[in-house]
PDB file of all heavy atoms in Angstrom:
ATOM      1  N   MET A   1       0.840  -1.178   0.001  1.00  0.00           N
ATOM      2  CA  MET A   1       0.018  -0.003  -0.002  1.00  0.00           C
ATOM      3  C   MET A   1       0.888   1.238  -0.006  1.00  0.00           C
ATOM      4  O   MET A   1       1.636   1.478   0.939  1.00  0.00           O
ATOM      5  CB  MET A   1      -0.932   0.009   1.215  1.00  0.00           C
ATOM      6  CG  MET A   1      -1.763  -1.258   1.349  1.00  0.00           C
ATOM      7  SD  MET A   1      -2.979  -1.136   2.694  1.00  0.00           S
ATOM      8  CE  MET A   1      -1.868  -1.055   4.100  1.00  0.00           C
ATOM      9  N   ASN A   2       0.794   2.014  -1.064  1.00  0.00           N
ATOM     10  CA  ASN A   2       1.549   3.242  -1.191  1.00  0.00           C
ATOM     11  C   ASN A   2       0.613   4.431  -1.254  1.00  0.00           C
ATOM     12  O   ASN A   2      -0.582   4.280  -1.532  1.00  0.00           O
ATOM     13  CB  ASN A   2       2.416   3.208  -2.460  1.00  0.00           C
ATOM     14  CG  ASN A   2       3.443   2.104  -2.450  1.00  0.00           C
ATOM     15  OD1 ASN A   2       3.987   1.744  -1.405  1.00  0.00           O
ATOM     16  ND2 ASN A   2       3.728   1.557  -3.625  1.00  0.00           N
ATOM     17  N   SER A   3       1.165   5.611  -1.035  1.00  0.00           N
ATOM     18  CA  SER A   3       0.395   6.851  -1.095  1.00  0.00           C
ATOM     19  C   SER A   3      -0.883   6.735  -0.277  1.00  0.00           C
ATOM     20  O   SER A   3      -1.988   7.072  -0.725  1.00  0.00           O
ATOM     21  CB  SER A   3       0.070   7.191  -2.557  1.00  0.00           C
ATOM     22  OG  SER A   3       1.247   7.341  -3.322  1.00  0.00           O
ATOM     23  N   LEU A   4      -0.741   6.279   0.934  1.00  0.00           N
ATOM     24  CA  LEU A   4      -1.899   6.042   1.784  1.00  0.00           C
ATOM     25  C   LEU A   4      -2.629   7.343   2.122  1.00  0.00           C
ATOM     26  O   LEU A   4      -2.017   8.395   2.280  1.00  0.00           O
ATOM     27  CB  LEU A   4      -1.485   5.336   3.077  1.00  0.00           C
ATOM     28  CG  LEU A   4      -1.208   3.833   2.898  1.00  0.00           C
ATOM     29  CD1 LEU A   4      -0.396   3.298   4.060  1.00  0.00           C
ATOM     30  CD2 LEU A   4      -2.522   3.073   2.765  1.00  0.00           C
ATOM     31  N   LYS A   5      -3.939   7.231   2.215  1.00  0.00           N
ATOM     32  CA  LYS A   5      -4.813   8.338   2.517  1.00  0.00           C
ATOM     33  C   LYS A   5      -5.602   8.044   3.790  1.00  0.00           C
ATOM     34  O   LYS A   5      -5.812   6.884   4.133  1.00  0.00           O
ATOM     35  CB  LYS A   5      -5.802   8.568   1.371  1.00  0.00           C
ATOM     36  CG  LYS A   5      -5.139   8.791   0.012  1.00  0.00           C
ATOM     37  CD  LYS A   5      -6.188   8.883  -1.085  1.00  0.00           C
ATOM     38  CE  LYS A   5      -5.552   9.095  -2.430  1.00  0.00           C
ATOM     39  NZ  LYS A   5      -6.574   9.174  -3.512  1.00  0.00           N
ATOM     40  N   PRO A   6      -6.051   9.074   4.481  1.00  0.00           N
ATOM     41  CA  PRO A   6      -6.861   8.828   5.696  1.00  0.00           C
ATOM     42  C   PRO A   6      -8.065   7.934   5.443  1.00  0.00           C
ATOM     43  O   PRO A   6      -8.447   7.160   6.328  1.00  0.00           O
ATOM     44  CB  PRO A   6      -7.287  10.234   6.119  1.00  0.00           C
ATOM     45  CG  PRO A   6      -6.178  11.105   5.641  1.00  0.00           C
ATOM     46  CD  PRO A   6      -5.751  10.517   4.329  1.00  0.00           C
ATOM     47  N   GLU A   7      -8.664   8.016   4.274  1.00  0.00           N
ATOM     48  CA  GLU A   7      -9.805   7.185   3.968  1.00  0.00           C
ATOM     49  C   GLU A   7      -9.472   5.708   3.778  1.00  0.00           C
ATOM     50  O   GLU A   7     -10.357   4.877   3.649  1.00  0.00           O
ATOM     51  CB  GLU A   7     -10.557   7.703   2.718  1.00  0.00           C
ATOM     52  CG  GLU A   7      -9.651   7.927   1.516  1.00  0.00           C
ATOM     53  CD  GLU A   7      -9.222   9.395   1.369  1.00  0.00           C
ATOM     54  OE1 GLU A   7      -8.859  10.003   2.371  1.00  0.00           O
ATOM     55  OE2 GLU A   7      -9.284   9.910   0.226  1.00  0.00           O
ATOM     56  N   ASP A   8      -8.174   5.381   3.785  1.00  0.00           N
ATOM     57  CA  ASP A   8      -7.755   3.985   3.759  1.00  0.00           C
ATOM     58  C   ASP A   8      -7.796   3.348   5.153  1.00  0.00           C
ATOM     59  O   ASP A   8      -7.595   2.153   5.268  1.00  0.00           O
ATOM     60  CB  ASP A   8      -6.341   3.852   3.207  1.00  0.00           C
ATOM     61  CG  ASP A   8      -6.235   4.263   1.743  1.00  0.00           C
ATOM     62  OD1 ASP A   8      -7.154   3.908   0.953  1.00  0.00           O
ATOM     63  OD2 ASP A   8      -5.238   4.910   1.369  1.00  0.00           O
ATOM     64  N   THR A   9      -8.028   4.144   6.162  1.00  0.00           N
ATOM     65  CA  THR A   9      -8.083   3.634   7.525  1.00  0.00           C
ATOM     66  C   THR A   9      -9.187   2.609   7.664  1.00  0.00           C
ATOM     67  O   THR A   9     -10.349   2.888   7.363  1.00  0.00           O
ATOM     68  CB  THR A   9      -8.292   4.777   8.521  1.00  0.00           C
ATOM     69  OG1 THR A   9      -7.155   5.648   8.481  1.00  0.00           O
ATOM     70  CG2 THR A   9      -8.456   4.237   9.935  1.00  0.00           C
ATOM     71  N   ALA A  10      -8.829   1.416   8.119  1.00  0.00           N
ATOM     72  CA  ALA A  10      -9.789   0.328   8.257  1.00  0.00           C
ATOM     73  C   ALA A  10      -9.087  -0.881   8.840  1.00  0.00           C
ATOM     74  O   ALA A  10      -7.867  -0.916   8.963  1.00  0.00           O
ATOM     75  CB  ALA A  10     -10.396  -0.036   6.897  1.00  0.00           C
ATOM     76  N   VAL A  11      -9.885  -1.884   9.191  1.00  0.00           N
ATOM     77  CA  VAL A  11      -9.336  -3.204   9.480  1.00  0.00           C
ATOM     78  C   VAL A  11      -9.262  -3.977   8.178  1.00  0.00           C
ATOM     79  O   VAL A  11     -10.276  -4.107   7.480  1.00  0.00           O
ATOM     80  CB  VAL A  11     -10.195  -3.958  10.523  1.00  0.00           C
ATOM     81  CG1 VAL A  11      -9.656  -5.373  10.734  1.00  0.00           C
ATOM     82  CG2 VAL A  11     -10.219  -3.215  11.835  1.00  0.00           C
ATOM     83  N   TYR A  12      -8.096  -4.452   7.850  1.00  0.00           N
ATOM     84  CA  TYR A  12      -7.878  -5.165   6.605  1.00  0.00           C
ATOM     85  C   TYR A  12      -7.900  -6.668   6.862  1.00  0.00           C
ATOM     86  O   TYR A  12      -7.189  -7.165   7.738  1.00  0.00           O
ATOM     87  CB  TYR A  12      -6.555  -4.740   5.967  1.00  0.00           C
ATOM     88  CG  TYR A  12      -6.644  -3.408   5.285  1.00  0.00           C
ATOM     89  CD1 TYR A  12      -6.753  -2.234   6.037  1.00  0.00           C
ATOM     90  CD2 TYR A  12      -6.610  -3.288   3.893  1.00  0.00           C
ATOM     91  CE1 TYR A  12      -6.864  -0.999   5.417  1.00  0.00           C
ATOM     92  CE2 TYR A  12      -6.707  -2.054   3.277  1.00  0.00           C
ATOM     93  CZ  TYR A  12      -6.825  -0.914   4.043  1.00  0.00           C
ATOM     94  OH  TYR A  12      -6.911   0.309   3.426  1.00  0.00           O
ATOM     95  N   HIS A  13      -8.707  -7.362   6.071  1.00  0.00           N
ATOM     96  CA  HIS A  13      -8.855  -8.795   6.198  1.00  0.00           C
ATOM     97  C   HIS A  13      -8.387  -9.496   4.925  1.00  0.00           C
ATOM     98  O   HIS A  13      -8.624  -9.015   3.827  1.00  0.00           O
ATOM     99  CB  HIS A  13     -10.314  -9.173   6.449  1.00  0.00           C
ATOM    100  CG  HIS A  13     -10.889  -8.667   7.716  1.00  0.00           C
ATOM    101  ND1 HIS A  13     -10.857  -9.424   8.878  1.00  0.00           N
ATOM    102  CD2 HIS A  13     -11.501  -7.506   8.020  1.00  0.00           C
ATOM    103  CE1 HIS A  13     -11.447  -8.714   9.826  1.00  0.00           C
ATOM    104  NE2 HIS A  13     -11.833  -7.561   9.350  1.00  0.00           N
ATOM    105  N   CYS A  14      -7.728 -10.599   5.120  1.00  0.00           N
ATOM    106  CA  CYS A  14      -7.371 -11.486   4.024  1.00  0.00           C
ATOM    107  C   CYS A  14      -8.401 -12.594   3.922  1.00  0.00           C
ATOM    108  O   CYS A  14      -8.996 -13.004   4.926  1.00  0.00           O
ATOM    109  CB  CYS A  14      -5.981 -12.076   4.291  1.00  0.00           C
ATOM    110  SG  CYS A  14      -5.400 -13.242   3.070  1.00  0.00           S
ATOM    111  N   ALA A  15      -8.641 -13.095   2.724  1.00  0.00           N
ATOM    112  CA  ALA A  15      -9.587 -14.171   2.529  1.00  0.00           C
ATOM    113  C   ALA A  15      -9.184 -15.033   1.354  1.00  0.00           C
ATOM    114  O   ALA A  15      -8.489 -14.576   0.435  1.00  0.00           O
ATOM    115  CB  ALA A  15     -10.993 -13.619   2.324  1.00  0.00           C
ATOM    116  N   ALA A  16      -9.633 -16.264   1.387  1.00  0.00           N
ATOM    117  CA  ALA A  16      -9.432 -17.197   0.295  1.00  0.00           C
ATOM    118  C   ALA A  16     -10.754 -17.463  -0.402  1.00  0.00           C
ATOM    119  O   ALA A  16     -11.804 -17.528   0.235  1.00  0.00           O
ATOM    120  CB  ALA A  16      -8.849 -18.520   0.819  1.00  0.00           C
ATOM    121  N   GLY A  17     -10.698 -17.607  -1.718  1.00  0.00           N
ATOM    122  CA  GLY A  17     -11.899 -17.828  -2.476  1.00  0.00           C
ATOM    123  C   GLY A  17     -11.679 -18.751  -3.656  1.00  0.00           C
ATOM    124  O   GLY A  17     -10.615 -19.334  -3.826  1.00  0.00           O
ATOM    125  N   SER A  18     -12.699 -18.847  -4.476  1.00  0.00           N
ATOM    126  CA  SER A  18     -12.666 -19.722  -5.635  1.00  0.00           C
ATOM    127  C   SER A  18     -12.300 -18.990  -6.915  1.00  0.00           C
ATOM    128  O   SER A  18     -11.595 -19.530  -7.763  1.00  0.00           O
ATOM    129  CB  SER A  18     -14.001 -20.434  -5.823  1.00  0.00           C
ATOM    130  OG  SER A  18     -14.310 -21.233  -4.695  1.00  0.00           O
ATOM    131  N   TYR A  19     -12.807 -17.756  -7.063  1.00  0.00           N
ATOM    132  CA  TYR A  19     -12.597 -16.998  -8.294  1.00  0.00           C
ATOM    133  C   TYR A  19     -12.180 -15.583  -7.956  1.00  0.00           C
ATOM    134  O   TYR A  19     -12.869 -14.871  -7.207  1.00  0.00           O
ATOM    135  CB  TYR A  19     -13.895 -16.972  -9.123  1.00  0.00           C
ATOM    136  CG  TYR A  19     -14.431 -18.344  -9.414  1.00  0.00           C
ATOM    137  CD1 TYR A  19     -15.503 -18.847  -8.714  1.00  0.00           C
ATOM    138  CD2 TYR A  19     -13.840 -19.146 -10.403  1.00  0.00           C
ATOM    139  CE1 TYR A  19     -16.016 -20.121  -8.969  1.00  0.00           C
ATOM    140  CE2 TYR A  19     -14.349 -20.401 -10.666  1.00  0.00           C
ATOM    141  CZ  TYR A  19     -15.422 -20.894  -9.951  1.00  0.00           C
ATOM    142  OH  TYR A  19     -15.921 -22.143 -10.225  1.00  0.00           O
ATOM    143  N   TYR A  20     -11.074 -15.148  -8.514  1.00  0.00           N
ATOM    144  CA  TYR A  20     -10.542 -13.843  -8.183  1.00  0.00           C
ATOM    145  C   TYR A  20     -11.487 -12.711  -8.580  1.00  0.00           C
ATOM    146  O   TYR A  20     -11.471 -11.638  -7.976  1.00  0.00           O
ATOM    147  CB  TYR A  20      -9.166 -13.646  -8.842  1.00  0.00           C
ATOM    148  CG  TYR A  20      -9.227 -13.207 -10.277  1.00  0.00           C
ATOM    149  CD1 TYR A  20      -9.072 -11.861 -10.618  1.00  0.00           C
ATOM    150  CD2 TYR A  20      -9.429 -14.119 -11.302  1.00  0.00           C
ATOM    151  CE1 TYR A  20      -9.132 -11.439 -11.927  1.00  0.00           C
ATOM    152  CE2 TYR A  20      -9.504 -13.717 -12.615  1.00  0.00           C
ATOM    153  CZ  TYR A  20      -9.356 -12.373 -12.936  1.00  0.00           C
ATOM    154  OH  TYR A  20      -9.417 -11.965 -14.237  1.00  0.00           O
ATOM    155  N   ASN A  21     -12.284 -12.946  -9.626  1.00  0.00           N
ATOM    156  CA  ASN A  21     -13.160 -11.901 -10.122  1.00  0.00           C
ATOM    157  C   ASN A  21     -14.594 -12.037  -9.606  1.00  0.00           C
ATOM    158  O   ASN A  21     -15.504 -11.401 -10.122  1.00  0.00           O
ATOM    159  CB  ASN A  21     -13.140 -11.875 -11.649  1.00  0.00           C
ATOM    160  CG  ASN A  21     -13.516 -13.190 -12.278  1.00  0.00           C
ATOM    161  OD1 ASN A  21     -13.653 -14.202 -11.586  1.00  0.00           O
ATOM    162  ND2 ASN A  21     -13.708 -13.211 -13.582  1.00  0.00           N
ATOM    163  N   ASP A  22     -14.790 -12.847  -8.605  1.00  0.00           N
ATOM    164  CA  ASP A  22     -16.094 -12.988  -7.955  1.00  0.00           C
ATOM    165  C   ASP A  22     -15.866 -13.089  -6.457  1.00  0.00           C
ATOM    166  O   ASP A  22     -15.743 -14.191  -5.910  1.00  0.00           O
ATOM    167  CB  ASP A  22     -16.840 -14.215  -8.487  1.00  0.00           C
ATOM    168  CG  ASP A  22     -18.218 -14.364  -7.869  1.00  0.00           C
ATOM    169  OD1 ASP A  22     -18.665 -13.472  -7.109  1.00  0.00           O
ATOM    170  OD2 ASP A  22     -18.881 -15.382  -8.151  1.00  0.00           O
ATOM    171  N   TYR A  23     -15.805 -11.937  -5.789  1.00  0.00           N
ATOM    172  CA  TYR A  23     -15.423 -11.966  -4.372  1.00  0.00           C
ATOM    173  C   TYR A  23     -16.508 -12.509  -3.470  1.00  0.00           C
ATOM    174  O   TYR A  23     -16.282 -12.711  -2.276  1.00  0.00           O
ATOM    175  CB  TYR A  23     -14.921 -10.604  -3.904  1.00  0.00           C
ATOM    176  CG  TYR A  23     -15.904  -9.456  -3.901  1.00  0.00           C
ATOM    177  CD1 TYR A  23     -16.877  -9.342  -2.932  1.00  0.00           C
ATOM    178  CD2 TYR A  23     -15.820  -8.447  -4.883  1.00  0.00           C
ATOM    179  CE1 TYR A  23     -17.759  -8.269  -2.924  1.00  0.00           C
ATOM    180  CE2 TYR A  23     -16.688  -7.380  -4.873  1.00  0.00           C
ATOM    181  CZ  TYR A  23     -17.654  -7.288  -3.900  1.00  0.00           C
ATOM    182  OH  TYR A  23     -18.508  -6.214  -3.875  1.00  0.00           O
ATOM    183  N   SER A  24     -17.680 -12.778  -4.005  1.00  0.00           N
ATOM    184  CA  SER A  24     -18.713 -13.447  -3.207  1.00  0.00           C
ATOM    185  C   SER A  24     -18.314 -14.862  -2.877  1.00  0.00           C
ATOM    186  O   SER A  24     -18.908 -15.477  -1.967  1.00  0.00           O
ATOM    187  CB  SER A  24     -20.055 -13.429  -3.951  1.00  0.00           C
ATOM    188  OG  SER A  24     -20.028 -14.244  -5.104  1.00  0.00           O
ATOM    189  N   THR A  25     -17.324 -15.415  -3.551  1.00  0.00           N
ATOM    190  CA  THR A  25     -16.858 -16.762  -3.296  1.00  0.00           C
ATOM    191  C   THR A  25     -15.832 -16.831  -2.160  1.00  0.00           C
ATOM    192  O   THR A  25     -15.423 -17.927  -1.761  1.00  0.00           O
ATOM    193  CB  THR A  25     -16.245 -17.401  -4.538  1.00  0.00           C
ATOM    194  OG1 THR A  25     -15.027 -16.725  -4.896  1.00  0.00           O
ATOM    195  CG2 THR A  25     -17.220 -17.338  -5.713  1.00  0.00           C
TER     196      THR A  25
END
């Protein structure tokens, strides 16, 4: 993460899925 902005403030979660272009998985 570069050029971070205040609006980037959050809890960041990693997840595993089936399809990279369908994050509902």
